[in-house]
């Protein structure tokens, strides 16, 4: 329907690149819905141009900050304050229903069926399942709701300093009122949760429709060589399965980076990719047989047992090295035997 749309938010160029990948993934899986990107003034003109090529509507919005330094400090994520800007999505009243998706999500299959859901439908947050994760949610634009959200945020703040806290408080009956508003986890597979309940991921992960790259380290924080399909960087901080990270980079390098080069022209910019000739652009299919997922791994620094314990407690396990899926599985198999 023409009055339904997927909506995302980019407050800087890095998140704009995430939004580009998200938009491309929605198109590649044949969505019939409109695509809308809300952007802040910090997004530069070349990135705005690429977004305009991918999205049906790109709207400039003012940055709203919760100003809640105390609670944001508890999360050790002061950058989350600007996520209050997400509330602008309720002002898109020329649409009857929308699905908001964070710019650090990736669509793995068609998800247009989400528009059959009502406001506010969302998936449980892995950290506290009685709260919903605000990375993917179904909503109905309304200036009345927008005004109430602003008033509520001003009067009560947010228990986590970000949009998720204020939205969960405002839609406070989500956990108990209507189970039909609980989206299956496959619509917002939080990457951190993969390792907290690995057997479930092994059983159901193949059905995932949306992966959400939670945590401070985002896909664009790495460097990628498309020719050898190798990801490098602080991989020991990764909070996602390497296969999902690889899918993000393959889409970004093959479909987004050429667009960025076109719009940046002679301007210098860092794509995050090892530069290569675009006449030799590598696609996921033709490099799949050349290298295995293990070759996309980088070797993390050696940590003591106590350091590794601290990493796990902080949600920063060495997911692509010592604490990789294969090694965890081998330990489990050995223990069970």
C-alpha atoms as a PDB file:
ATOM      1  CA  UNK A   1       0.000   0.000   0.000  1.00  0.00           C
ATOM      2  CA  UNK A   2       1.201   3.500  -0.867  1.00  0.00           C
ATOM      3  CA  UNK A   3       0.384   4.819   2.609  1.00  0.00           C
ATOM      4  CA  UNK A   4       2.574   2.299   4.440  1.00  0.00           C
ATOM      5  CA  UNK A   5       6.324   2.632   4.904  1.00  0.00           C
ATOM      6  CA  UNK A   6       9.472   1.280   6.498  1.00  0.00           C
ATOM      7  CA  UNK A   7      11.177   4.085   8.434  1.00  0.00           C
ATOM      8  CA  UNK A   8      14.739   4.434   9.697  1.00  0.00           C
ATOM      9  CA  UNK A   9      16.896   7.133  11.303  1.00  0.00           C
ATOM     10  CA  UNK A  10      20.469   8.289  10.605  1.00  0.00           C
ATOM     11  CA  UNK A  11      22.049  10.936  12.842  1.00  0.00           C
ATOM     12  CA  UNK A  12      25.496  10.893  11.185  1.00  0.00           C
ATOM     13  CA  UNK A  13      27.293   9.494   8.133  1.00  0.00           C
ATOM     14  CA  UNK A  14      28.112   6.159   9.765  1.00  0.00           C
ATOM     15  CA  UNK A  15      24.486   5.444  10.568  1.00  0.00           C
ATOM     16  CA  UNK A  16      23.579   6.776   7.121  1.00  0.00           C
ATOM     17  CA  UNK A  17      25.682   3.973   5.624  1.00  0.00           C
ATOM     18  CA  UNK A  18      23.851   1.509   7.828  1.00  0.00           C
ATOM     19  CA  UNK A  19      20.583   2.960   6.527  1.00  0.00           C
ATOM     20  CA  UNK A  20      21.830   2.493   2.964  1.00  0.00           C
ATOM     21  CA  UNK A  21      22.460  -1.205   3.590  1.00  0.00           C
ATOM     22  CA  UNK A  22      19.090  -1.560   5.314  1.00  0.00           C
ATOM     23  CA  UNK A  23      17.296   0.100   2.386  1.00  0.00           C
ATOM     24  CA  UNK A  24      19.100  -2.065  -0.143  1.00  0.00           C
ATOM     25  CA  UNK A  25      18.259  -5.219   1.825  1.00  0.00           C
ATOM     26  CA  UNK A  26      14.574  -4.263   1.868  1.00  0.00           C
ATOM     27  CA  UNK A  27      14.610  -3.640  -1.887  1.00  0.00           C
ATOM     28  CA  UNK A  28      16.517  -6.867  -2.556  1.00  0.00           C
ATOM     29  CA  UNK A  29      13.811  -8.814  -0.761  1.00  0.00           C
ATOM     30  CA  UNK A  30      11.088  -7.169  -2.865  1.00  0.00           C
ATOM     31  CA  UNK A  31       9.239  -5.063  -0.345  1.00  0.00           C
ATOM     32  CA  UNK A  32       6.102  -3.435  -1.720  1.00  0.00           C
ATOM     33  CA  UNK A  33       6.222  -0.654   0.891  1.00  0.00           C
ATOM     34  CA  UNK A  34       7.648   2.852   0.720  1.00  0.00           C
ATOM     35  CA  UNK A  35      11.024   3.551   2.330  1.00  0.00           C
ATOM     36  CA  UNK A  36      11.573   6.647   4.504  1.00  0.00           C
ATOM     37  CA  UNK A  37      14.823   7.862   6.063  1.00  0.00           C
ATOM     38  CA  UNK A  38      14.855  10.499   8.789  1.00  0.00           C
ATOM     39  CA  UNK A  39      18.232  12.252   8.881  1.00  0.00           C
ATOM     40  CA  UNK A  40      19.870  14.884  11.053  1.00  0.00           C
ATOM     41  CA  UNK A  41      21.820  17.912   9.746  1.00  0.00           C
ATOM     42  CA  UNK A  42      25.042  16.014  10.556  1.00  0.00           C
ATOM     43  CA  UNK A  43      24.547  13.723   7.538  1.00  0.00           C
ATOM     44  CA  UNK A  44      26.680  15.128   4.714  1.00  0.00           C
ATOM     45  CA  UNK A  45      25.436  15.944   1.228  1.00  0.00           C
ATOM     46  CA  UNK A  46      27.016  12.936  -0.560  1.00  0.00           C
ATOM     47  CA  UNK A  47      25.415  10.538   1.932  1.00  0.00           C
ATOM     48  CA  UNK A  48      22.099  12.368   1.598  1.00  0.00           C
ATOM     49  CA  UNK A  49      22.324  11.903  -2.176  1.00  0.00           C
ATOM     50  CA  UNK A  50      22.876   8.158  -1.868  1.00  0.00           C
ATOM     51  CA  UNK A  51      19.985   7.876   0.578  1.00  0.00           C
ATOM     52  CA  UNK A  52      17.783   9.761  -1.885  1.00  0.00           C
ATOM     53  CA  UNK A  53      18.683   7.138  -4.500  1.00  0.00           C
ATOM     54  CA  UNK A  54      17.588   4.297  -2.219  1.00  0.00           C
ATOM     55  CA  UNK A  55      14.702   5.749  -0.217  1.00  0.00           C
ATOM     56  CA  UNK A  56      11.403   7.144  -1.472  1.00  0.00           C
ATOM     57  CA  UNK A  57      11.547   9.955   1.067  1.00  0.00           C
ATOM     58  CA  UNK A  58      14.453  11.485   2.977  1.00  0.00           C
ATOM     59  CA  UNK A  59      13.352  13.955   5.637  1.00  0.00           C
ATOM     60  CA  UNK A  60      15.590  16.283   7.637  1.00  0.00           C
ATOM     61  CA  UNK A  61      14.722  16.372  11.358  1.00  0.00           C
ATOM     62  CA  UNK A  62      16.119  18.189  14.373  1.00  0.00           C
ATOM     63  CA  UNK A  63      18.199  16.187  16.822  1.00  0.00           C
ATOM     64  CA  UNK A  64      16.446  15.643  20.141  1.00  0.00           C
ATOM     65  CA  UNK A  65      18.571  14.715  23.137  1.00  0.00           C
ATOM     66  CA  UNK A  66      17.223  13.180  26.336  1.00  0.00           C
ATOM     67  CA  UNK A  67      19.906  14.983  28.343  1.00  0.00           C
ATOM     68  CA  UNK A  68      19.770  12.115  30.846  1.00  0.00           C
ATOM     69  CA  UNK A  69      23.489  11.791  31.515  1.00  0.00           C
ATOM     70  CA  UNK A  70      23.059   9.722  34.673  1.00  0.00           C
ATOM     71  CA  UNK A  71      21.120   6.854  33.106  1.00  0.00           C
ATOM     72  CA  UNK A  72      23.132   6.958  29.910  1.00  0.00           C
ATOM     73  CA  UNK A  73      26.252   6.641  32.055  1.00  0.00           C
ATOM     74  CA  UNK A  74      24.816   3.448  33.555  1.00  0.00           C
ATOM     75  CA  UNK A  75      24.634   2.049  30.027  1.00  0.00           C
ATOM     76  CA  UNK A  76      28.112   3.422  29.241  1.00  0.00           C
ATOM     77  CA  UNK A  77      26.512   4.693  26.025  1.00  0.00           C
ATOM     78  CA  UNK A  78      26.225   8.521  26.110  1.00  0.00           C
ATOM     79  CA  UNK A  79      25.698   8.431  22.337  1.00  0.00           C
ATOM     80  CA  UNK A  80      22.211   6.974  22.852  1.00  0.00           C
ATOM     81  CA  UNK A  81      20.733  10.325  23.916  1.00  0.00           C
ATOM     82  CA  UNK A  82      20.163  11.417  20.329  1.00  0.00           C
ATOM     83  CA  UNK A  83      18.014   8.355  19.747  1.00  0.00           C
ATOM     84  CA  UNK A  84      15.163  10.443  21.179  1.00  0.00           C
ATOM     85  CA  UNK A  85      15.155  11.853  17.642  1.00  0.00           C
ATOM     86  CA  UNK A  86      13.433   8.605  16.723  1.00  0.00           C
ATOM     87  CA  UNK A  87      10.203  10.032  18.146  1.00  0.00           C
ATOM     88  CA  UNK A  88       9.937  12.171  14.997  1.00  0.00           C
ATOM     89  CA  UNK A  89       8.708   9.055  13.192  1.00  0.00           C
ATOM     90  CA  UNK A  90       5.230   9.634  14.656  1.00  0.00           C
ATOM     91  CA  UNK A  91       5.012  12.874  12.639  1.00  0.00           C
ATOM     92  CA  UNK A  92       4.880  10.971   9.315  1.00  0.00           C
ATOM     93  CA  UNK A  93       1.104  11.295   9.227  1.00  0.00           C
ATOM     94  CA  UNK A  94       0.820  10.894   5.449  1.00  0.00           C
ATOM     95  CA  UNK A  95       1.340   7.186   6.182  1.00  0.00           C
ATOM     96  CA  UNK A  96      -1.338   5.123   7.944  1.00  0.00           C
ATOM     97  CA  UNK A  97       1.051   2.535   9.338  1.00  0.00           C
ATOM     98  CA  UNK A  98       4.835   2.199   9.491  1.00  0.00           C
ATOM     99  CA  UNK A  99       7.528  -0.170  10.665  1.00  0.00           C
ATOM    100  CA  UNK A 100      10.496   1.532  12.283  1.00  0.00           C
ATOM    101  CA  UNK A 101      13.872  -0.175  11.880  1.00  0.00           C
ATOM    102  CA  UNK A 102      17.155   0.955  13.369  1.00  0.00           C
ATOM    103  CA  UNK A 103      19.899   1.713  10.876  1.00  0.00           C
ATOM    104  CA  UNK A 104      21.993  -1.124  12.353  1.00  0.00           C
ATOM    105  CA  UNK A 105      19.523  -3.790  11.215  1.00  0.00           C
ATOM    106  CA  UNK A 106      19.736  -6.016   8.144  1.00  0.00           C
ATOM    107  CA  UNK A 107      16.757  -7.658   6.434  1.00  0.00           C
ATOM    108  CA  UNK A 108      17.279 -11.302   5.474  1.00  0.00           C
ATOM    109  CA  UNK A 109      13.903 -11.988   3.800  1.00  0.00           C
ATOM    110  CA  UNK A 110      10.667 -10.197   2.943  1.00  0.00           C
ATOM    111  CA  UNK A 111       8.952  -8.859   6.082  1.00  0.00           C
ATOM    112  CA  UNK A 112       5.969  -6.992   4.610  1.00  0.00           C
ATOM    113  CA  UNK A 113       3.694  -9.141   6.762  1.00  0.00           C
ATOM    114  CA  UNK A 114       4.659  -6.934   9.717  1.00  0.00           C
ATOM    115  CA  UNK A 115       2.114  -4.404   8.435  1.00  0.00           C
ATOM    116  CA  UNK A 116      -0.635  -6.806   9.485  1.00  0.00           C
ATOM    117  CA  UNK A 117       0.319  -6.027  13.101  1.00  0.00           C
ATOM    118  CA  UNK A 118      -1.023  -3.203  15.254  1.00  0.00           C
ATOM    119  CA  UNK A 119       0.687  -0.422  17.207  1.00  0.00           C
ATOM    120  CA  UNK A 120       2.829  -0.986  19.234  1.00  0.00           C
ATOM    121  CA  UNK A 121       4.116  -4.366  18.084  1.00  0.00           C
ATOM    122  CA  UNK A 122       7.736  -5.248  18.827  1.00  0.00           C
ATOM    123  CA  UNK A 123      10.003  -8.135  19.801  1.00  0.00           C
ATOM    124  CA  UNK A 124      11.227  -8.717  23.370  1.00  0.00           C
ATOM    125  CA  UNK A 125      14.563  -7.286  24.366  1.00  0.00           C
ATOM    126  CA  UNK A 126      17.111 -10.024  25.181  1.00  0.00           C
ATOM    127  CA  UNK A 127      18.332  -8.121  28.231  1.00  0.00           C
ATOM    128  CA  UNK A 128      14.884  -7.819  29.834  1.00  0.00           C
ATOM    129  CA  UNK A 129      12.170  -9.682  27.892  1.00  0.00           C
ATOM    130  CA  UNK A 130       9.316  -7.843  29.643  1.00  0.00           C
ATOM    131  CA  UNK A 131      10.569  -4.811  27.709  1.00  0.00           C
ATOM    132  CA  UNK A 132      10.434  -4.622  23.935  1.00  0.00           C
ATOM    133  CA  UNK A 133      13.476  -3.786  21.871  1.00  0.00           C
ATOM    134  CA  UNK A 134      12.869  -0.530  20.003  1.00  0.00           C
ATOM    135  CA  UNK A 135      15.079  -1.494  17.069  1.00  0.00           C
ATOM    136  CA  UNK A 136      12.055  -2.839  15.149  1.00  0.00           C
ATOM    137  CA  UNK A 137       8.464  -1.844  15.915  1.00  0.00           C
ATOM    138  CA  UNK A 138       5.124  -1.317  14.192  1.00  0.00           C
ATOM    139  CA  UNK A 139       3.449   2.046  14.784  1.00  0.00           C
ATOM    140  CA  UNK A 140       0.750   4.365  13.455  1.00  0.00           C
ATOM    141  CA  UNK A 141       1.901   7.965  12.839  1.00  0.00           C
ATOM    142  CA  UNK A 142      -0.118  10.482  14.820  1.00  0.00           C
ATOM    143  CA  UNK A 143       0.583  14.050  15.916  1.00  0.00           C
ATOM    144  CA  UNK A 144      -1.456  13.353  19.031  1.00  0.00           C
ATOM    145  CA  UNK A 145       0.753  10.390  19.964  1.00  0.00           C
ATOM    146  CA  UNK A 146       3.847  12.416  19.086  1.00  0.00           C
ATOM    147  CA  UNK A 147       2.758  15.209  21.424  1.00  0.00           C
ATOM    148  CA  UNK A 148       2.013  12.758  24.227  1.00  0.00           C
ATOM    149  CA  UNK A 149       5.409  11.084  23.814  1.00  0.00           C
ATOM    150  CA  UNK A 150       7.222  14.416  24.000  1.00  0.00           C
ATOM    151  CA  UNK A 151       5.231  15.405  27.060  1.00  0.00           C
ATOM    152  CA  UNK A 152       5.861  12.058  28.729  1.00  0.00           C
ATOM    153  CA  UNK A 153       9.590  12.211  27.976  1.00  0.00           C
ATOM    154  CA  UNK A 154       9.802  15.756  29.342  1.00  0.00           C
ATOM    155  CA  UNK A 155       7.865  14.913  32.506  1.00  0.00           C
ATOM    156  CA  UNK A 156       9.262  11.469  33.291  1.00  0.00           C
ATOM    157  CA  UNK A 157      12.495  11.112  31.328  1.00  0.00           C
ATOM    158  CA  UNK A 158      13.691   7.675  30.289  1.00  0.00           C
ATOM    159  CA  UNK A 159      14.829   4.904  32.589  1.00  0.00           C
ATOM    160  CA  UNK A 160      17.740   4.128  30.252  1.00  0.00           C
ATOM    161  CA  UNK A 161      18.287   7.621  28.873  1.00  0.00           C
ATOM    162  CA  UNK A 162      17.320   6.561  25.357  1.00  0.00           C
ATOM    163  CA  UNK A 163      14.238   6.012  23.244  1.00  0.00           C
ATOM    164  CA  UNK A 164      13.752   2.416  24.390  1.00  0.00           C
ATOM    165  CA  UNK A 165      13.227   3.474  27.992  1.00  0.00           C
ATOM    166  CA  UNK A 166      10.676   6.163  27.243  1.00  0.00           C
ATOM    167  CA  UNK A 167       8.795   4.037  24.689  1.00  0.00           C
ATOM    168  CA  UNK A 168       8.521   1.086  27.068  1.00  0.00           C
ATOM    169  CA  UNK A 169       7.242   3.356  29.829  1.00  0.00           C
ATOM    170  CA  UNK A 170       4.747   5.031  27.509  1.00  0.00           C
ATOM    171  CA  UNK A 171       3.499   1.754  26.019  1.00  0.00           C
ATOM    172  CA  UNK A 172       3.646   0.223  29.467  1.00  0.00           C
ATOM    173  CA  UNK A 173       1.124  -2.563  28.907  1.00  0.00           C
ATOM    174  CA  UNK A 174       3.074  -4.165  26.041  1.00  0.00           C
ATOM    175  CA  UNK A 175       4.272  -7.071  28.206  1.00  0.00           C
ATOM    176  CA  UNK A 176       0.826  -8.118  29.427  1.00  0.00           C
ATOM    177  CA  UNK A 177      -2.053  -6.650  27.400  1.00  0.00           C
ATOM    178  CA  UNK A 178      -1.970  -8.360  24.005  1.00  0.00           C
ATOM    179  CA  UNK A 179       0.298 -11.226  22.991  1.00  0.00           C
ATOM    180  CA  UNK A 180      -0.400 -10.492  19.312  1.00  0.00           C
ATOM    181  CA  UNK A 181       1.743  -7.380  19.721  1.00  0.00           C
ATOM    182  CA  UNK A 182       4.754  -9.514  20.659  1.00  0.00           C
ATOM    183  CA  UNK A 183       6.731  -9.993  17.454  1.00  0.00           C
ATOM    184  CA  UNK A 184       8.598 -13.282  17.121  1.00  0.00           C
ATOM    185  CA  UNK A 185      12.288 -12.857  17.894  1.00  0.00           C
ATOM    186  CA  UNK A 186      13.170 -13.684  14.278  1.00  0.00           C
ATOM    187  CA  UNK A 187      12.005 -10.168  13.338  1.00  0.00           C
ATOM    188  CA  UNK A 188      14.625  -8.593  15.585  1.00  0.00           C
ATOM    189  CA  UNK A 189      17.331 -11.153  16.191  1.00  0.00           C
ATOM    190  CA  UNK A 190      19.565  -9.228  18.547  1.00  0.00           C
ATOM    191  CA  UNK A 191      23.081 -10.326  17.801  1.00  0.00           C
ATOM    192  CA  UNK A 192      24.072 -10.406  21.467  1.00  0.00           C
ATOM    193  CA  UNK A 193      21.386 -12.997  22.202  1.00  0.00           C
ATOM    194  CA  UNK A 194      22.891 -15.490  19.775  1.00  0.00           C
ATOM    195  CA  UNK A 195      25.534 -16.391  22.321  1.00  0.00           C
ATOM    196  CA  UNK A 196      23.443 -16.160  25.466  1.00  0.00           C
ATOM    197  CA  UNK A 197      21.246 -19.019  24.248  1.00  0.00           C
ATOM    198  CA  UNK A 198      23.256 -20.717  21.537  1.00  0.00           C
ATOM    199  CA  UNK A 199      21.178 -23.947  21.363  1.00  0.00           C
ATOM    200  CA  UNK A 200      18.062 -21.894  20.510  1.00  0.00           C
ATOM    201  CA  UNK A 201      19.934 -20.002  17.822  1.00  0.00           C
ATOM    202  CA  UNK A 202      21.166 -23.280  16.390  1.00  0.00           C
ATOM    203  CA  UNK A 203      17.574 -24.570  16.332  1.00  0.00           C
ATOM    204  CA  UNK A 204      15.747 -21.460  15.087  1.00  0.00           C
ATOM    205  CA  UNK A 205      18.402 -19.073  13.739  1.00  0.00           C
ATOM    206  CA  UNK A 206      17.906 -20.256  10.168  1.00  0.00           C
ATOM    207  CA  UNK A 207      14.419 -18.701  10.251  1.00  0.00           C
ATOM    208  CA  UNK A 208      15.735 -15.229  11.103  1.00  0.00           C
ATOM    209  CA  UNK A 209      14.238 -12.423   9.030  1.00  0.00           C
ATOM    210  CA  UNK A 210      15.997  -9.421  10.597  1.00  0.00           C
ATOM    211  CA  UNK A 211      19.328  -9.298  12.386  1.00  0.00           C
ATOM    212  CA  UNK A 212      20.068  -6.368  14.705  1.00  0.00           C
ATOM    213  CA  UNK A 213      23.712  -5.438  15.287  1.00  0.00           C
ATOM    214  CA  UNK A 214      23.371  -4.357  18.906  1.00  0.00           C
ATOM    215  CA  UNK A 215      26.263  -2.981  20.923  1.00  0.00           C
ATOM    216  CA  UNK A 216      28.744  -0.173  20.487  1.00  0.00           C
ATOM    217  CA  UNK A 217      30.767  -1.902  17.763  1.00  0.00           C
ATOM    218  CA  UNK A 218      28.800  -1.712  14.511  1.00  0.00           C
ATOM    219  CA  UNK A 219      29.440  -3.434  11.168  1.00  0.00           C
ATOM    220  CA  UNK A 220      30.941  -0.229   9.760  1.00  0.00           C
ATOM    221  CA  UNK A 221      33.507  -0.224  12.591  1.00  0.00           C
ATOM    222  CA  UNK A 222      35.544  -2.824  10.703  1.00  0.00           C
ATOM    223  CA  UNK A 223      37.571  -2.933   7.503  1.00  0.00           C
ATOM    224  CA  UNK A 224      36.692  -5.340   4.732  1.00  0.00           C
ATOM    225  CA  UNK A 225      38.538  -6.787   1.741  1.00  0.00           C
ATOM    226  CA  UNK A 226      35.856  -7.901  -0.763  1.00  0.00           C
ATOM    227  CA  UNK A 227      38.278  -9.903  -2.908  1.00  0.00           C
ATOM    228  CA  UNK A 228      39.227 -12.306  -0.148  1.00  0.00           C
ATOM    229  CA  UNK A 229      36.086 -11.776   1.935  1.00  0.00           C
ATOM    230  CA  UNK A 230      38.088 -10.849   5.007  1.00  0.00           C
ATOM    231  CA  UNK A 231      36.945  -8.646   7.893  1.00  0.00           C
ATOM    232  CA  UNK A 232      39.585  -7.017  10.053  1.00  0.00           C
ATOM    233  CA  UNK A 233      39.484  -4.714  13.069  1.00  0.00           C
ATOM    234  CA  UNK A 234      38.612  -5.117  16.740  1.00  0.00           C
ATOM    235  CA  UNK A 235      36.866  -8.391  15.998  1.00  0.00           C
ATOM    236  CA  UNK A 236      37.180  -9.541  19.627  1.00  0.00           C
ATOM    237  CA  UNK A 237      34.581  -6.842  20.415  1.00  0.00           C
ATOM    238  CA  UNK A 238      32.120  -8.222  17.861  1.00  0.00           C
ATOM    239  CA  UNK A 239      28.636  -8.963  19.162  1.00  0.00           C
ATOM    240  CA  UNK A 240      27.320 -10.853  16.190  1.00  0.00           C
ATOM    241  CA  UNK A 241      27.768 -14.086  14.316  1.00  0.00           C
ATOM    242  CA  UNK A 242      30.442 -13.687  11.601  1.00  0.00           C
ATOM    243  CA  UNK A 243      28.045 -14.903   8.893  1.00  0.00           C
ATOM    244  CA  UNK A 244      25.675 -11.971   9.517  1.00  0.00           C
ATOM    245  CA  UNK A 245      28.564  -9.524   9.665  1.00  0.00           C
ATOM    246  CA  UNK A 246      29.820 -10.928   6.377  1.00  0.00           C
ATOM    247  CA  UNK A 247      26.404 -10.559   4.731  1.00  0.00           C
ATOM    248  CA  UNK A 248      26.294  -6.899   5.779  1.00  0.00           C
ATOM    249  CA  UNK A 249      29.727  -6.220   4.300  1.00  0.00           C
ATOM    250  CA  UNK A 250      29.057  -8.085   1.076  1.00  0.00           C
ATOM    251  CA  UNK A 251      25.944  -5.995   0.466  1.00  0.00           C
ATOM    252  CA  UNK A 252      27.655  -2.759   1.495  1.00  0.00           C
ATOM    253  CA  UNK A 253      30.764  -3.328  -0.613  1.00  0.00           C
ATOM    254  CA  UNK A 254      28.991  -4.522  -3.761  1.00  0.00           C
ATOM    255  CA  UNK A 255      25.950  -2.214  -3.867  1.00  0.00           C
ATOM    256  CA  UNK A 256      26.528   0.786  -1.598  1.00  0.00           C
ATOM    257  CA  UNK A 257      30.222   1.634  -1.941  1.00  0.00           C
ATOM    258  CA  UNK A 258      29.984   2.167  -5.746  1.00  0.00           C
ATOM    259  CA  UNK A 259      27.126   4.636  -5.111  1.00  0.00           C
ATOM    260  CA  UNK A 260      29.201   6.451  -2.494  1.00  0.00           C
ATOM    261  CA  UNK A 261      32.125   6.739  -4.916  1.00  0.00           C
ATOM    262  CA  UNK A 262      29.783   8.171  -7.528  1.00  0.00           C
ATOM    263  CA  UNK A 263      28.373  10.827  -5.226  1.00  0.00           C
ATOM    264  CA  UNK A 264      31.638  11.725  -3.487  1.00  0.00           C
ATOM    265  CA  UNK A 265      33.317  12.184  -6.877  1.00  0.00           C
ATOM    266  CA  UNK A 266      36.839  13.516  -6.381  1.00  0.00           C
ATOM    267  CA  UNK A 267      36.267  14.069  -2.669  1.00  0.00           C
ATOM    268  CA  UNK A 268      38.300  11.785  -0.445  1.00  0.00           C
ATOM    269  CA  UNK A 269      36.372   9.465   1.855  1.00  0.00           C
ATOM    270  CA  UNK A 270      37.009   6.207   3.680  1.00  0.00           C
ATOM    271  CA  UNK A 271      34.575   3.506   2.602  1.00  0.00           C
ATOM    272  CA  UNK A 272      35.860   0.915   5.061  1.00  0.00           C
ATOM    273  CA  UNK A 273      36.712  -1.364   2.134  1.00  0.00           C
ATOM    274  CA  UNK A 274      40.120  -2.214   0.798  1.00  0.00           C
ATOM    275  CA  UNK A 275      39.928  -0.362  -2.509  1.00  0.00           C
ATOM    276  CA  UNK A 276      39.416  -2.362  -5.679  1.00  0.00           C
ATOM    277  CA  UNK A 277      38.321  -1.780  -9.256  1.00  0.00           C
ATOM    278  CA  UNK A 278      34.533  -1.746  -9.508  1.00  0.00           C
ATOM    279  CA  UNK A 279      34.675  -3.460 -12.888  1.00  0.00           C
ATOM    280  CA  UNK A 280      35.779  -6.414 -10.771  1.00  0.00           C
ATOM    281  CA  UNK A 281      33.076  -5.941  -8.125  1.00  0.00           C
ATOM    282  CA  UNK A 282      32.781  -9.077  -6.055  1.00  0.00           C
ATOM    283  CA  UNK A 283      29.345 -10.453  -5.289  1.00  0.00           C
ATOM    284  CA  UNK A 284      28.419 -12.807  -2.486  1.00  0.00           C
ATOM    285  CA  UNK A 285      27.783 -15.646  -4.911  1.00  0.00           C
ATOM    286  CA  UNK A 286      31.076 -15.579  -6.811  1.00  0.00           C
ATOM    287  CA  UNK A 287      33.270 -15.307  -3.728  1.00  0.00           C
ATOM    288  CA  UNK A 288      31.330 -17.797  -1.641  1.00  0.00           C
ATOM    289  CA  UNK A 289      33.240 -20.763  -2.988  1.00  0.00           C
ATOM    290  CA  UNK A 290      36.643 -19.089  -2.872  1.00  0.00           C
ATOM    291  CA  UNK A 291      36.883 -18.617   0.878  1.00  0.00           C
ATOM    292  CA  UNK A 292      35.287 -20.088   3.947  1.00  0.00           C
ATOM    293  CA  UNK A 293      33.694 -18.061   6.784  1.00  0.00           C
ATOM    294  CA  UNK A 294      36.662 -18.902   8.993  1.00  0.00           C
ATOM    295  CA  UNK A 295      38.905 -16.904   6.652  1.00  0.00           C
ATOM    296  CA  UNK A 296      36.894 -13.798   7.532  1.00  0.00           C
ATOM    297  CA  UNK A 297      38.140 -14.026  11.090  1.00  0.00           C
ATOM    298  CA  UNK A 298      40.896 -11.885  12.560  1.00  0.00           C
ATOM    299  CA  UNK A 299      43.151 -13.053  15.388  1.00  0.00           C
ATOM    300  CA  UNK A 300      42.244 -11.284  18.654  1.00  0.00           C
ATOM    301  CA  UNK A 301      44.793 -10.429  21.350  1.00  0.00           C
ATOM    302  CA  UNK A 302      45.513 -13.112  23.957  1.00  0.00           C
ATOM    303  CA  UNK A 303      43.531 -12.491  27.142  1.00  0.00           C
ATOM    304  CA  UNK A 304      43.905 -13.935  30.614  1.00  0.00           C
ATOM    305  CA  UNK A 305      41.099 -16.027  32.109  1.00  0.00           C
ATOM    306  CA  UNK A 306      40.021 -13.080  34.270  1.00  0.00           C
ATOM    307  CA  UNK A 307      40.035 -10.710  31.271  1.00  0.00           C
ATOM    308  CA  UNK A 308      37.979 -13.166  29.243  1.00  0.00           C
ATOM    309  CA  UNK A 309      35.495 -13.449  32.116  1.00  0.00           C
ATOM    310  CA  UNK A 310      35.163  -9.661  32.230  1.00  0.00           C
ATOM    311  CA  UNK A 311      34.633  -9.547  28.463  1.00  0.00           C
ATOM    312  CA  UNK A 312      31.806 -12.088  28.743  1.00  0.00           C
ATOM    313  CA  UNK A 313      30.165 -10.206  31.627  1.00  0.00           C
ATOM    314  CA  UNK A 314      30.262  -7.007  29.541  1.00  0.00           C
ATOM    315  CA  UNK A 315      28.789  -8.732  26.484  1.00  0.00           C
ATOM    316  CA  UNK A 316      32.119  -8.495  24.624  1.00  0.00           C
ATOM    317  CA  UNK A 317      33.182 -12.110  24.326  1.00  0.00           C
ATOM    318  CA  UNK A 318      35.645 -13.127  21.603  1.00  0.00           C
ATOM    319  CA  UNK A 319      32.820 -14.299  19.353  1.00  0.00           C
ATOM    320  CA  UNK A 320      35.004 -14.787  16.307  1.00  0.00           C
ATOM    321  CA  UNK A 321      37.984 -16.425  18.042  1.00  0.00           C
ATOM    322  CA  UNK A 322      38.305 -18.300  21.331  1.00  0.00           C
ATOM    323  CA  UNK A 323      34.561 -18.051  21.977  1.00  0.00           C
ATOM    324  CA  UNK A 324      33.422 -18.797  18.437  1.00  0.00           C
ATOM    325  CA  UNK A 325      30.450 -21.041  17.688  1.00  0.00           C
ATOM    326  CA  UNK A 326      32.627 -23.951  16.588  1.00  0.00           C
ATOM    327  CA  UNK A 327      34.797 -23.885  19.695  1.00  0.00           C
ATOM    328  CA  UNK A 328      31.824 -23.547  22.043  1.00  0.00           C
ATOM    329  CA  UNK A 329      30.172 -26.504  20.290  1.00  0.00           C
ATOM    330  CA  UNK A 330      33.324 -28.612  20.611  1.00  0.00           C
ATOM    331  CA  UNK A 331      33.514 -27.877  24.347  1.00  0.00           C
ATOM    332  CA  UNK A 332      29.855 -28.784  24.793  1.00  0.00           C
ATOM    333  CA  UNK A 333      30.276 -32.013  22.815  1.00  0.00           C
ATOM    334  CA  UNK A 334      33.334 -32.917  24.853  1.00  0.00           C
ATOM    335  CA  UNK A 335      31.532 -32.190  28.132  1.00  0.00           C
ATOM    336  CA  UNK A 336      28.453 -34.216  27.137  1.00  0.00           C
ATOM    337  CA  UNK A 337      30.577 -37.198  26.155  1.00  0.00           C
END
